[in-house]
Amino acid sequence: MASHDFRAGLRTAAAGRAEPRLRSYARLGKLDVYDYYLSILVVLAAVLLPGPRPGPALAAMLVLFLLGQVFVIMAMVALDDVTGFRDGSDTANYGPDNPLRNKLRKPLVAGTLTERQAMTFAWVTAVAGALLWAGAVAVAPHRPLWAVLLTAALFVVSLQYSYGVRLSYHGFQEVFLVWLGVVLVLAPYGLAVGTFSGFLLVQGVLFGFGPLMFGVYSNTNDVAGDRAVGRPTVAALVSERGNAVFIGCLSAAEFLLGAVASATGIAPWWFVLLMLPATALRTKQFVTGFVRGDIMRARKTGFAVHRTSVVLLVAANVLVGTGAVG
């Protein structure tokens, strides 16, 4: 009864801030968080230089893969919102005790969409995403089995992230977020050129660190709600200090990945130096969150880190493709 009254109160509060239905659906699909979709720029920079002039098959595949990516991720985050609403974690994390969170970003909590509307949206976008990715594979210049399987696996696993099997409720959240980035870079690259690249794998992992670091800082802020519903994020399982050490290790691992790749020849020798601006911003993020104690500002800094990293990855591929740096 208390939970029902609390949710009713949130809906009443949101009623005075009603917004167009399409805006609520855009919020449900997190369309304002476009950072997942930047992977296609990394792939573009890797496949356009050097090589023959790109044909219509490559262009069609990349467009279809990107559109499919948008719809699959919209389905994934919508199902995540449905689960968070049902178990009460979103209500707790976006309730009156957390004034820094914008409740309208959670349409179910705010009452601007019903659960049925959210589920319909999730399944419609999932089907659209599946059809678009199937189209991307069908028109791709190459169809290596590993790239096709990675694409299919990402579709299936994304829908199980917080719904169905609920992987993020069994301790796989952090691993999934990195794997998401890997597939969004490596799969379309494989469909474009037909071969595997260790350098693109490194780039995929670095791209995946973007969503990962959004996630771990959000989890730090949401630890009470996640513990209440038994969602085993690292932040919910360990002490405050342990979580700070974990995120510090992740920040260091991101730098070390580029350093090892440069040292072993998987990446050009200069790659680790090129990525230093992203490393500096990641350090600033950690200091903001765990030295100054401003977790939500640190989370926001994470978007700047990710976008900077994407620009640097694109630059790395352009430099390799043009042979501008030896």
C-alpha atoms as a PDB file:
ATOM      1  CA  MET A   1       0.000   0.000   0.000  1.00  0.00           C
ATOM      2  CA  ALA A   2       2.804   2.402   0.897  1.00  0.00           C
ATOM      3  CA  SER A   3       4.570   1.680  -2.402  1.00  0.00           C
ATOM      4  CA  HIS A   4       1.333   2.244  -4.323  1.00  0.00           C
ATOM      5  CA  ASP A   5       0.742   5.559  -2.541  1.00  0.00           C
ATOM      6  CA  PHE A   6       4.308   6.651  -3.243  1.00  0.00           C
ATOM      7  CA  ARG A   7       3.988   5.876  -6.957  1.00  0.00           C
ATOM      8  CA  ALA A   8       0.617   7.634  -7.078  1.00  0.00           C
ATOM      9  CA  GLY A   9       2.233  10.673  -5.474  1.00  0.00           C
ATOM     10  CA  LEU A  10       4.950  10.732  -8.111  1.00  0.00           C
ATOM     11  CA  ARG A  11       2.361  10.551 -10.874  1.00  0.00           C
ATOM     12  CA  THR A  12       0.405  13.405  -9.303  1.00  0.00           C
ATOM     13  CA  ALA A  13       3.557  15.503  -9.079  1.00  0.00           C
ATOM     14  CA  ALA A  14       4.371  14.740 -12.706  1.00  0.00           C
ATOM     15  CA  ALA A  15       0.865  15.607 -13.893  1.00  0.00           C
ATOM     16  CA  GLY A  16       1.692  19.290 -13.661  1.00  0.00           C
ATOM     17  CA  ARG A  17       4.668  18.699 -15.953  1.00  0.00           C
ATOM     18  CA  ALA A  18       2.869  16.684 -18.638  1.00  0.00           C
ATOM     19  CA  GLU A  19       4.698  16.431 -21.954  1.00  0.00           C
ATOM     20  CA  PRO A  20       3.881  15.170 -25.464  1.00  0.00           C
ATOM     21  CA  ARG A  21       3.571  11.392 -25.716  1.00  0.00           C
ATOM     22  CA  LEU A  22       6.317  11.174 -28.341  1.00  0.00           C
ATOM     23  CA  ARG A  23       8.685  12.984 -25.969  1.00  0.00           C
ATOM     24  CA  SER A  24       7.938  10.398 -23.300  1.00  0.00           C
ATOM     25  CA  TYR A  25       8.665   7.569 -25.729  1.00  0.00           C
ATOM     26  CA  ALA A  26      11.931   9.267 -26.695  1.00  0.00           C
ATOM     27  CA  ARG A  27      12.810   9.430 -22.989  1.00  0.00           C
ATOM     28  CA  LEU A  28      11.893   5.767 -22.560  1.00  0.00           C
ATOM     29  CA  GLY A  29      14.226   4.870 -25.438  1.00  0.00           C
ATOM     30  CA  LYS A  30      16.932   7.236 -24.069  1.00  0.00           C
ATOM     31  CA  LEU A  31      17.343   8.812 -27.490  1.00  0.00           C
ATOM     32  CA  ASP A  32      19.137  11.779 -25.948  1.00  0.00           C
ATOM     33  CA  VAL A  33      21.964   9.442 -24.920  1.00  0.00           C
ATOM     34  CA  TYR A  34      23.412   9.002 -28.399  1.00  0.00           C
ATOM     35  CA  ASP A  35      26.802   7.851 -27.181  1.00  0.00           C
ATOM     36  CA  TYR A  36      26.140   4.186 -27.985  1.00  0.00           C
ATOM     37  CA  TYR A  37      25.609   5.077 -31.628  1.00  0.00           C
ATOM     38  CA  LEU A  38      28.983   6.762 -32.082  1.00  0.00           C
ATOM     39  CA  SER A  39      30.539   3.352 -32.697  1.00  0.00           C
ATOM     40  CA  ILE A  40      29.579   3.645 -36.361  1.00  0.00           C
ATOM     41  CA  LEU A  41      31.976   6.608 -36.713  1.00  0.00           C
ATOM     42  CA  VAL A  42      34.838   4.449 -35.461  1.00  0.00           C
ATOM     43  CA  VAL A  43      33.938   1.760 -37.987  1.00  0.00           C
ATOM     44  CA  LEU A  44      33.571   4.267 -40.822  1.00  0.00           C
ATOM     45  CA  ALA A  45      37.037   5.673 -40.179  1.00  0.00           C
ATOM     46  CA  ALA A  46      38.478   2.158 -40.143  1.00  0.00           C
ATOM     47  CA  VAL A  47      36.922   0.922 -43.393  1.00  0.00           C
ATOM     48  CA  LEU A  48      36.976   3.971 -45.671  1.00  0.00           C
ATOM     49  CA  LEU A  49      40.749   4.501 -45.683  1.00  0.00           C
ATOM     50  CA  PRO A  50      42.635   3.078 -47.447  1.00  0.00           C
ATOM     51  CA  GLY A  51      40.893   0.927 -50.018  1.00  0.00           C
ATOM     52  CA  PRO A  52      38.661   1.072 -53.053  1.00  0.00           C
ATOM     53  CA  ARG A  53      35.831   3.542 -53.272  1.00  0.00           C
ATOM     54  CA  PRO A  54      33.013   2.281 -51.030  1.00  0.00           C
ATOM     55  CA  GLY A  55      30.140   0.714 -52.929  1.00  0.00           C
ATOM     56  CA  PRO A  56      26.392   0.811 -52.264  1.00  0.00           C
ATOM     57  CA  ALA A  57      26.474  -2.515 -50.398  1.00  0.00           C
ATOM     58  CA  LEU A  58      28.837  -1.119 -47.758  1.00  0.00           C
ATOM     59  CA  ALA A  59      26.830   2.089 -47.366  1.00  0.00           C
ATOM     60  CA  ALA A  60      23.548   0.186 -47.074  1.00  0.00           C
ATOM     61  CA  MET A  61      24.989  -2.225 -44.518  1.00  0.00           C
ATOM     62  CA  LEU A  62      26.334   0.565 -42.325  1.00  0.00           C
ATOM     63  CA  VAL A  63      23.053   2.504 -42.438  1.00  0.00           C
ATOM     64  CA  LEU A  64      20.971  -0.580 -41.663  1.00  0.00           C
ATOM     65  CA  PHE A  65      23.324  -1.663 -38.874  1.00  0.00           C
ATOM     66  CA  LEU A  66      23.190   1.797 -37.278  1.00  0.00           C
ATOM     67  CA  LEU A  67      19.395   1.967 -37.467  1.00  0.00           C
ATOM     68  CA  GLY A  68      19.128  -1.559 -36.058  1.00  0.00           C
ATOM     69  CA  GLN A  69      21.498  -0.583 -33.278  1.00  0.00           C
ATOM     70  CA  VAL A  70      19.273   2.373 -32.357  1.00  0.00           C
ATOM     71  CA  PHE A  71      16.139   0.222 -32.187  1.00  0.00           C
ATOM     72  CA  VAL A  72      17.758  -2.672 -30.283  1.00  0.00           C
ATOM     73  CA  ILE A  73      19.209  -0.335 -27.668  1.00  0.00           C
ATOM     74  CA  MET A  74      15.863   1.459 -27.334  1.00  0.00           C
ATOM     75  CA  ALA A  75      14.248  -1.914 -26.659  1.00  0.00           C
ATOM     76  CA  MET A  76      16.957  -2.818 -24.138  1.00  0.00           C
ATOM     77  CA  VAL A  77      16.673   0.378 -22.095  1.00  0.00           C
ATOM     78  CA  ALA A  78      12.855   0.333 -22.228  1.00  0.00           C
ATOM     79  CA  LEU A  79      12.813  -3.194 -20.790  1.00  0.00           C
ATOM     80  CA  ASP A  80      15.314  -2.040 -18.179  1.00  0.00           C
ATOM     81  CA  ASP A  81      12.900   0.717 -17.167  1.00  0.00           C
ATOM     82  CA  VAL A  82       9.993  -1.732 -16.954  1.00  0.00           C
ATOM     83  CA  THR A  83      11.980  -4.020 -14.665  1.00  0.00           C
ATOM     84  CA  GLY A  84      13.227  -1.112 -12.550  1.00  0.00           C
ATOM     85  CA  PHE A  85       9.667   0.140 -12.173  1.00  0.00           C
ATOM     86  CA  ARG A  86       8.289  -3.280 -11.266  1.00  0.00           C
ATOM     87  CA  ASP A  87      10.882  -4.033  -8.598  1.00  0.00           C
ATOM     88  CA  GLY A  88      10.794  -0.508  -7.164  1.00  0.00           C
ATOM     89  CA  SER A  89      14.456   0.362  -7.728  1.00  0.00           C
ATOM     90  CA  ASP A  90      13.705   3.197 -10.148  1.00  0.00           C
ATOM     91  CA  THR A  91      11.036   4.540  -7.809  1.00  0.00           C
ATOM     92  CA  ALA A  92      13.608   4.611  -5.012  1.00  0.00           C
ATOM     93  CA  ASN A  93      16.420   6.038  -7.133  1.00  0.00           C
ATOM     94  CA  TYR A  94      14.241   8.745  -8.682  1.00  0.00           C
ATOM     95  CA  GLY A  95      12.134   9.482  -5.604  1.00  0.00           C
ATOM     96  CA  PRO A  96      12.011  12.642  -3.468  1.00  0.00           C
ATOM     97  CA  ASP A  97      15.125  11.606  -1.547  1.00  0.00           C
ATOM     98  CA  ASN A  98      17.156  11.982  -4.745  1.00  0.00           C
ATOM     99  CA  PRO A  99      16.474  15.501  -6.044  1.00  0.00           C
ATOM    100  CA  LEU A 100      19.386  15.369  -8.495  1.00  0.00           C
ATOM    101  CA  ARG A 101      17.586  12.854 -10.724  1.00  0.00           C
ATOM    102  CA  ASN A 102      15.063  14.097 -13.274  1.00  0.00           C
ATOM    103  CA  LYS A 103      11.959  11.943 -12.825  1.00  0.00           C
ATOM    104  CA  LEU A 104      10.698  12.659 -16.331  1.00  0.00           C
ATOM    105  CA  ARG A 105      13.660  10.609 -17.599  1.00  0.00           C
ATOM    106  CA  LYS A 106      11.795   7.616 -16.193  1.00  0.00           C
ATOM    107  CA  PRO A 107       8.343   7.861 -17.823  1.00  0.00           C
ATOM    108  CA  LEU A 108       6.933   4.955 -15.801  1.00  0.00           C
ATOM    109  CA  VAL A 109       7.985   6.518 -12.511  1.00  0.00           C
ATOM    110  CA  ALA A 110       6.757   9.935 -13.616  1.00  0.00           C
ATOM    111  CA  GLY A 111       3.477   8.475 -14.824  1.00  0.00           C
ATOM    112  CA  THR A 112       3.768   9.886 -18.353  1.00  0.00           C
ATOM    113  CA  LEU A 113       3.576   6.356 -19.823  1.00  0.00           C
ATOM    114  CA  THR A 114       1.843   3.199 -18.624  1.00  0.00           C
ATOM    115  CA  GLU A 115       3.584  -0.137 -18.209  1.00  0.00           C
ATOM    116  CA  ARG A 116       1.590  -1.547 -21.118  1.00  0.00           C
ATOM    117  CA  GLN A 117       2.689   1.305 -23.378  1.00  0.00           C
ATOM    118  CA  ALA A 118       6.300   0.751 -22.354  1.00  0.00           C
ATOM    119  CA  MET A 119       6.131  -2.984 -23.086  1.00  0.00           C
ATOM    120  CA  THR A 120       4.528  -2.382 -26.486  1.00  0.00           C
ATOM    121  CA  PHE A 121       7.267   0.135 -27.306  1.00  0.00           C
ATOM    122  CA  ALA A 122       9.967  -2.332 -26.221  1.00  0.00           C
ATOM    123  CA  TRP A 123       8.729  -5.195 -28.364  1.00  0.00           C
ATOM    124  CA  VAL A 124       7.990  -3.050 -31.433  1.00  0.00           C
ATOM    125  CA  THR A 125      11.491  -1.580 -31.331  1.00  0.00           C
ATOM    126  CA  ALA A 126      13.001  -5.029 -30.725  1.00  0.00           C
ATOM    127  CA  VAL A 127      11.293  -6.463 -33.814  1.00  0.00           C
ATOM    128  CA  ALA A 128      12.332  -3.434 -35.868  1.00  0.00           C
ATOM    129  CA  GLY A 129      15.909  -3.825 -34.672  1.00  0.00           C
ATOM    130  CA  ALA A 130      15.963  -7.524 -35.566  1.00  0.00           C
ATOM    131  CA  LEU A 131      14.668  -6.836 -39.073  1.00  0.00           C
ATOM    132  CA  LEU A 132      17.154  -4.022 -39.643  1.00  0.00           C
ATOM    133  CA  TRP A 133      20.102  -6.128 -38.482  1.00  0.00           C
ATOM    134  CA  ALA A 134      18.931  -9.028 -40.639  1.00  0.00           C
ATOM    135  CA  GLY A 135      18.839  -6.588 -43.556  1.00  0.00           C
ATOM    136  CA  ALA A 136      22.349  -5.370 -42.719  1.00  0.00           C
ATOM    137  CA  VAL A 137      23.683  -8.927 -42.821  1.00  0.00           C
ATOM    138  CA  ALA A 138      21.810  -9.662 -46.051  1.00  0.00           C
ATOM    139  CA  VAL A 139      23.322  -6.713 -47.956  1.00  0.00           C
ATOM    140  CA  ALA A 140      26.769  -6.761 -46.313  1.00  0.00           C
ATOM    141  CA  PRO A 141      29.797  -6.996 -48.626  1.00  0.00           C
ATOM    142  CA  HIS A 142      31.062  -9.841 -46.420  1.00  0.00           C
ATOM    143  CA  ARG A 143      29.392 -12.218 -43.978  1.00  0.00           C
ATOM    144  CA  PRO A 144      32.026 -13.899 -41.807  1.00  0.00           C
ATOM    145  CA  LEU A 145      30.323 -16.295 -39.426  1.00  0.00           C
ATOM    146  CA  TRP A 146      31.838 -14.698 -36.316  1.00  0.00           C
ATOM    147  CA  ALA A 147      30.424 -11.267 -37.212  1.00  0.00           C
ATOM    148  CA  VAL A 148      26.963 -12.688 -37.921  1.00  0.00           C
ATOM    149  CA  LEU A 149      26.997 -14.635 -34.655  1.00  0.00           C
ATOM    150  CA  LEU A 150      28.167 -11.596 -32.674  1.00  0.00           C
ATOM    151  CA  THR A 151      25.289  -9.544 -34.096  1.00  0.00           C
ATOM    152  CA  ALA A 152      22.716 -12.246 -33.337  1.00  0.00           C
ATOM    153  CA  ALA A 153      24.103 -12.800 -29.848  1.00  0.00           C
ATOM    154  CA  LEU A 154      24.008  -9.094 -29.040  1.00  0.00           C
ATOM    155  CA  PHE A 155      20.351  -8.921 -30.069  1.00  0.00           C
ATOM    156  CA  VAL A 156      19.387 -11.858 -27.853  1.00  0.00           C
ATOM    157  CA  VAL A 157      21.505 -10.849 -24.870  1.00  0.00           C
ATOM    158  CA  SER A 158      20.424  -7.187 -24.989  1.00  0.00           C
ATOM    159  CA  LEU A 159      16.794  -8.186 -24.453  1.00  0.00           C
ATOM    160  CA  GLN A 160      17.863 -10.349 -21.505  1.00  0.00           C
ATOM    161  CA  TYR A 161      19.947  -7.609 -19.874  1.00  0.00           C
ATOM    162  CA  SER A 162      17.291  -6.565 -17.350  1.00  0.00           C
ATOM    163  CA  TYR A 163      14.297  -8.561 -18.569  1.00  0.00           C
ATOM    164  CA  GLY A 164      13.683 -12.280 -18.962  1.00  0.00           C
ATOM    165  CA  VAL A 165      16.907 -13.863 -17.691  1.00  0.00           C
ATOM    166  CA  ARG A 166      17.811 -10.433 -16.202  1.00  0.00           C
ATOM    167  CA  LEU A 167      21.563 -10.759 -16.598  1.00  0.00           C
ATOM    168  CA  SER A 168      22.228  -7.475 -14.815  1.00  0.00           C
ATOM    169  CA  TYR A 169      20.539  -8.958 -11.733  1.00  0.00           C
ATOM    170  CA  HIS A 170      23.023 -11.847 -11.676  1.00  0.00           C
ATOM    171  CA  GLY A 171      26.271  -9.889 -11.585  1.00  0.00           C
ATOM    172  CA  PHE A 172      26.954  -9.494 -15.313  1.00  0.00           C
ATOM    173  CA  GLN A 173      26.153  -5.803 -15.731  1.00  0.00           C
ATOM    174  CA  GLU A 174      29.705  -4.485 -15.955  1.00  0.00           C
ATOM    175  CA  VAL A 175      30.889  -7.271 -18.287  1.00  0.00           C
ATOM    176  CA  PHE A 176      27.902  -6.803 -20.585  1.00  0.00           C
ATOM    177  CA  LEU A 177      28.479  -3.067 -20.985  1.00  0.00           C
ATOM    178  CA  VAL A 178      32.032  -3.616 -22.239  1.00  0.00           C
ATOM    179  CA  TRP A 179      30.928  -6.493 -24.502  1.00  0.00           C
ATOM    180  CA  LEU A 180      28.228  -4.220 -25.933  1.00  0.00           C
ATOM    181  CA  GLY A 181      30.887  -1.763 -27.052  1.00  0.00           C
ATOM    182  CA  VAL A 182      33.054  -4.511 -28.526  1.00  0.00           C
ATOM    183  CA  VAL A 183      30.246  -5.901 -30.679  1.00  0.00           C
ATOM    184  CA  LEU A 184      29.035  -2.484 -31.848  1.00  0.00           C
ATOM    185  CA  VAL A 185      32.513  -1.858 -33.287  1.00  0.00           C
ATOM    186  CA  LEU A 186      33.723  -5.312 -34.298  1.00  0.00           C
ATOM    187  CA  ALA A 187      30.551  -6.770 -35.879  1.00  0.00           C
ATOM    188  CA  PRO A 188      29.919  -4.030 -38.483  1.00  0.00           C
ATOM    189  CA  TYR A 189      33.664  -3.912 -39.194  1.00  0.00           C
ATOM    190  CA  GLY A 190      33.620  -7.644 -39.920  1.00  0.00           C
ATOM    191  CA  LEU A 191      30.561  -7.289 -42.160  1.00  0.00           C
ATOM    192  CA  ALA A 192      32.333  -4.470 -44.010  1.00  0.00           C
ATOM    193  CA  VAL A 193      35.752  -6.024 -44.622  1.00  0.00           C
ATOM    194  CA  GLY A 194      35.331  -9.724 -43.834  1.00  0.00           C
ATOM    195  CA  THR A 195      38.377 -10.017 -41.573  1.00  0.00           C
ATOM    196  CA  PHE A 196      39.172  -9.782 -37.876  1.00  0.00           C
ATOM    197  CA  SER A 197      41.385  -6.977 -36.542  1.00  0.00           C
ATOM    198  CA  GLY A 198      43.142  -6.998 -33.186  1.00  0.00           C
ATOM    199  CA  PHE A 199      43.411  -3.213 -33.326  1.00  0.00           C
ATOM    200  CA  LEU A 200      39.640  -2.881 -33.841  1.00  0.00           C
ATOM    201  CA  LEU A 201      39.100  -5.283 -30.924  1.00  0.00           C
ATOM    202  CA  VAL A 202      41.142  -2.948 -28.732  1.00  0.00           C
ATOM    203  CA  GLN A 203      39.100  -0.022 -30.010  1.00  0.00           C
ATOM    204  CA  GLY A 204      35.893  -1.902 -29.291  1.00  0.00           C
ATOM    205  CA  VAL A 205      36.923  -2.523 -25.688  1.00  0.00           C
ATOM    206  CA  LEU A 206      37.872   1.130 -25.275  1.00  0.00           C
ATOM    207  CA  PHE A 207      34.537   2.138 -26.779  1.00  0.00           C
ATOM    208  CA  GLY A 208      32.813  -0.210 -24.317  1.00  0.00           C
ATOM    209  CA  PHE A 209      34.520   1.555 -21.433  1.00  0.00           C
ATOM    210  CA  GLY A 210      32.254   4.523 -22.174  1.00  0.00           C
ATOM    211  CA  PRO A 211      28.970   2.749 -21.279  1.00  0.00           C
ATOM    212  CA  LEU A 212      30.775   0.872 -18.510  1.00  0.00           C
ATOM    213  CA  MET A 213      31.929   4.046 -16.797  1.00  0.00           C
ATOM    214  CA  PHE A 214      28.498   5.696 -17.178  1.00  0.00           C
ATOM    215  CA  GLY A 215      27.165   2.600 -15.464  1.00  0.00           C
ATOM    216  CA  VAL A 216      29.536   2.275 -12.532  1.00  0.00           C
ATOM    217  CA  TYR A 217      29.132   5.922 -11.528  1.00  0.00           C
ATOM    218  CA  SER A 218      25.336   5.625 -11.815  1.00  0.00           C
ATOM    219  CA  ASN A 219      25.485   2.460  -9.714  1.00  0.00           C
ATOM    220  CA  THR A 220      27.478   4.326  -7.076  1.00  0.00           C
ATOM    221  CA  ASN A 221      24.679   6.870  -6.822  1.00  0.00           C
ATOM    222  CA  ASP A 222      21.947   4.192  -6.908  1.00  0.00           C
ATOM    223  CA  VAL A 223      23.482   1.783  -4.432  1.00  0.00           C
ATOM    224  CA  ALA A 224      20.626   1.959  -1.884  1.00  0.00           C
ATOM    225  CA  GLY A 225      17.936   1.187  -4.440  1.00  0.00           C
ATOM    226  CA  ASP A 226      19.969  -1.627  -6.043  1.00  0.00           C
ATOM    227  CA  ARG A 227      20.658  -3.246  -2.680  1.00  0.00           C
ATOM    228  CA  ALA A 228      16.979  -3.052  -1.778  1.00  0.00           C
ATOM    229  CA  VAL A 229      15.978  -5.139  -4.821  1.00  0.00           C
ATOM    230  CA  GLY A 230      19.024  -7.432  -4.810  1.00  0.00           C
ATOM    231  CA  ARG A 231      20.623  -6.114  -7.986  1.00  0.00           C
ATOM    232  CA  PRO A 232      24.266  -7.150  -7.503  1.00  0.00           C
ATOM    233  CA  THR A 233      26.263  -4.312  -8.982  1.00  0.00           C
ATOM    234  CA  VAL A 234      29.796  -4.000  -7.667  1.00  0.00           C
ATOM    235  CA  ALA A 235      28.791  -0.817  -5.831  1.00  0.00           C
ATOM    236  CA  ALA A 236      25.996  -2.706  -4.080  1.00  0.00           C
ATOM    237  CA  LEU A 237      28.182  -5.676  -3.150  1.00  0.00           C
ATOM    238  CA  VAL A 238      31.265  -3.986  -1.734  1.00  0.00           C
ATOM    239  CA  SER A 239      32.053  -1.178   0.680  1.00  0.00           C
ATOM    240  CA  GLU A 240      32.236   2.447  -0.385  1.00  0.00           C
ATOM    241  CA  ARG A 241      36.022   2.264  -0.326  1.00  0.00           C
ATOM    242  CA  GLY A 242      35.991  -1.029  -2.212  1.00  0.00           C
ATOM    243  CA  ASN A 243      33.850   0.516  -4.922  1.00  0.00           C
ATOM    244  CA  ALA A 244      36.228   3.464  -5.220  1.00  0.00           C
ATOM    245  CA  VAL A 245      39.159   1.064  -5.611  1.00  0.00           C
ATOM    246  CA  PHE A 246      37.227  -0.921  -8.243  1.00  0.00           C
ATOM    247  CA  ILE A 247      36.459   2.171 -10.320  1.00  0.00           C
ATOM    248  CA  GLY A 248      40.034   3.384  -9.916  1.00  0.00           C
ATOM    249  CA  CYS A 249      41.267   0.042 -11.249  1.00  0.00           C
ATOM    250  CA  LEU A 250      38.893   0.280 -14.212  1.00  0.00           C
ATOM    251  CA  SER A 251      40.205   3.768 -14.984  1.00  0.00           C
ATOM    252  CA  ALA A 252      43.787   2.490 -14.867  1.00  0.00           C
ATOM    253  CA  ALA A 253      42.911  -0.584 -16.962  1.00  0.00           C
ATOM    254  CA  GLU A 254      41.554   1.628 -19.716  1.00  0.00           C
ATOM    255  CA  PHE A 255      44.927   3.376 -20.009  1.00  0.00           C
ATOM    256  CA  LEU A 256      46.881   0.128 -19.682  1.00  0.00           C
ATOM    257  CA  LEU A 257      44.929  -1.496 -22.507  1.00  0.00           C
ATOM    258  CA  GLY A 258      46.110   1.189 -24.914  1.00  0.00           C
ATOM    259  CA  ALA A 259      49.627   1.057 -23.515  1.00  0.00           C
ATOM    260  CA  VAL A 260      49.917  -2.720 -23.875  1.00  0.00           C
ATOM    261  CA  ALA A 261      48.419  -2.604 -27.367  1.00  0.00           C
ATOM    262  CA  SER A 262      51.039  -0.038 -28.405  1.00  0.00           C
ATOM    263  CA  ALA A 263      53.866  -1.936 -26.736  1.00  0.00           C
ATOM    264  CA  THR A 264      52.969  -5.273 -28.366  1.00  0.00           C
ATOM    265  CA  GLY A 265      52.339  -3.941 -31.858  1.00  0.00           C
ATOM    266  CA  ILE A 266      48.590  -4.640 -31.862  1.00  0.00           C
ATOM    267  CA  ALA A 267      48.185  -0.872 -32.118  1.00  0.00           C
ATOM    268  CA  PRO A 268      50.649   1.674 -33.538  1.00  0.00           C
ATOM    269  CA  TRP A 269      53.351   2.805 -31.127  1.00  0.00           C
ATOM    270  CA  TRP A 270      51.810   6.276 -30.904  1.00  0.00           C
ATOM    271  CA  PHE A 271      48.288   5.066 -30.052  1.00  0.00           C
ATOM    272  CA  VAL A 272      48.739   5.299 -26.276  1.00  0.00           C
ATOM    273  CA  LEU A 273      50.013   8.866 -26.648  1.00  0.00           C
ATOM    274  CA  LEU A 274      47.083   9.823 -28.858  1.00  0.00           C
ATOM    275  CA  MET A 275      44.636   8.588 -26.199  1.00  0.00           C
ATOM    276  CA  LEU A 276      46.199  10.648 -23.379  1.00  0.00           C
ATOM    277  CA  PRO A 277      43.512  13.388 -23.482  1.00  0.00           C
ATOM    278  CA  ALA A 278      40.886  10.759 -22.705  1.00  0.00           C
ATOM    279  CA  THR A 279      43.106   9.391 -19.935  1.00  0.00           C
ATOM    280  CA  ALA A 280      43.410  12.868 -18.405  1.00  0.00           C
ATOM    281  CA  LEU A 281      39.627  13.352 -18.473  1.00  0.00           C
ATOM    282  CA  ARG A 282      39.094   9.910 -16.928  1.00  0.00           C
ATOM    283  CA  THR A 283      41.438  10.901 -14.094  1.00  0.00           C
ATOM    284  CA  LYS A 284      39.450  14.107 -13.618  1.00  0.00           C
ATOM    285  CA  GLN A 285      36.264  12.033 -13.463  1.00  0.00           C
ATOM    286  CA  PHE A 286      37.652   9.868 -10.675  1.00  0.00           C
ATOM    287  CA  VAL A 287      38.874  12.870  -8.689  1.00  0.00           C
ATOM    288  CA  THR A 288      35.486  14.574  -9.046  1.00  0.00           C
ATOM    289  CA  GLY A 289      33.624  11.488  -7.904  1.00  0.00           C
ATOM    290  CA  PHE A 290      35.772  10.010  -5.168  1.00  0.00           C
ATOM    291  CA  VAL A 291      38.029  12.811  -3.969  1.00  0.00           C
ATOM    292  CA  ARG A 292      35.527  15.656  -4.161  1.00  0.00           C
ATOM    293  CA  GLY A 293      32.540  13.395  -3.556  1.00  0.00           C
ATOM    294  CA  ASP A 294      30.387  14.633  -6.464  1.00  0.00           C
ATOM    295  CA  ILE A 295      29.301  11.362  -8.076  1.00  0.00           C
ATOM    296  CA  MET A 296      26.640  12.792 -10.367  1.00  0.00           C
ATOM    297  CA  ARG A 297      28.987  15.453 -11.762  1.00  0.00           C
ATOM    298  CA  ALA A 298      31.568  12.708 -12.260  1.00  0.00           C
ATOM    299  CA  ARG A 299      28.984  10.659 -14.162  1.00  0.00           C
ATOM    300  CA  LYS A 300      28.337  13.646 -16.412  1.00  0.00           C
ATOM    301  CA  THR A 301      32.086  13.967 -17.016  1.00  0.00           C
ATOM    302  CA  GLY A 302      31.991  10.385 -18.247  1.00  0.00           C
ATOM    303  CA  PHE A 303      30.077  11.466 -21.332  1.00  0.00           C
ATOM    304  CA  ALA A 304      32.821  13.965 -22.167  1.00  0.00           C
ATOM    305  CA  VAL A 305      35.427  11.223 -21.708  1.00  0.00           C
ATOM    306  CA  HIS A 306      33.582   8.856 -24.027  1.00  0.00           C
ATOM    307  CA  ARG A 307      33.009  11.441 -26.748  1.00  0.00           C
ATOM    308  CA  THR A 308      36.650  12.517 -26.590  1.00  0.00           C
ATOM    309  CA  SER A 309      37.703   8.883 -26.833  1.00  0.00           C
ATOM    310  CA  VAL A 310      35.551   8.383 -29.936  1.00  0.00           C
ATOM    311  CA  VAL A 311      37.142  11.412 -31.620  1.00  0.00           C
ATOM    312  CA  LEU A 312      40.598  10.018 -30.820  1.00  0.00           C
ATOM    313  CA  LEU A 313      39.712   6.526 -32.090  1.00  0.00           C
ATOM    314  CA  VAL A 314      38.449   8.037 -35.336  1.00  0.00           C
ATOM    315  CA  ALA A 315      41.667  10.062 -35.600  1.00  0.00           C
ATOM    316  CA  ALA A 316      43.734   6.916 -35.008  1.00  0.00           C
ATOM    317  CA  ASN A 317      41.974   5.097 -37.853  1.00  0.00           C
ATOM    318  CA  VAL A 318      42.379   8.071 -40.187  1.00  0.00           C
ATOM    319  CA  LEU A 319      46.094   8.269 -39.370  1.00  0.00           C
ATOM    320  CA  VAL A 320      46.517   4.529 -39.996  1.00  0.00           C
ATOM    321  CA  GLY A 321      44.453   4.638 -43.178  1.00  0.00           C
ATOM    322  CA  THR A 322      46.335   7.556 -44.686  1.00  0.00           C
ATOM    323  CA  GLY A 323      49.724   6.433 -43.441  1.00  0.00           C
ATOM    324  CA  ALA A 324      50.279   9.906 -42.039  1.00  0.00           C
ATOM    325  CA  VAL A 325      52.173   8.529 -39.024  1.00  0.00           C
ATOM    326  CA  GLY A 326      54.645   5.700 -39.267  1.00  0.00           C
END
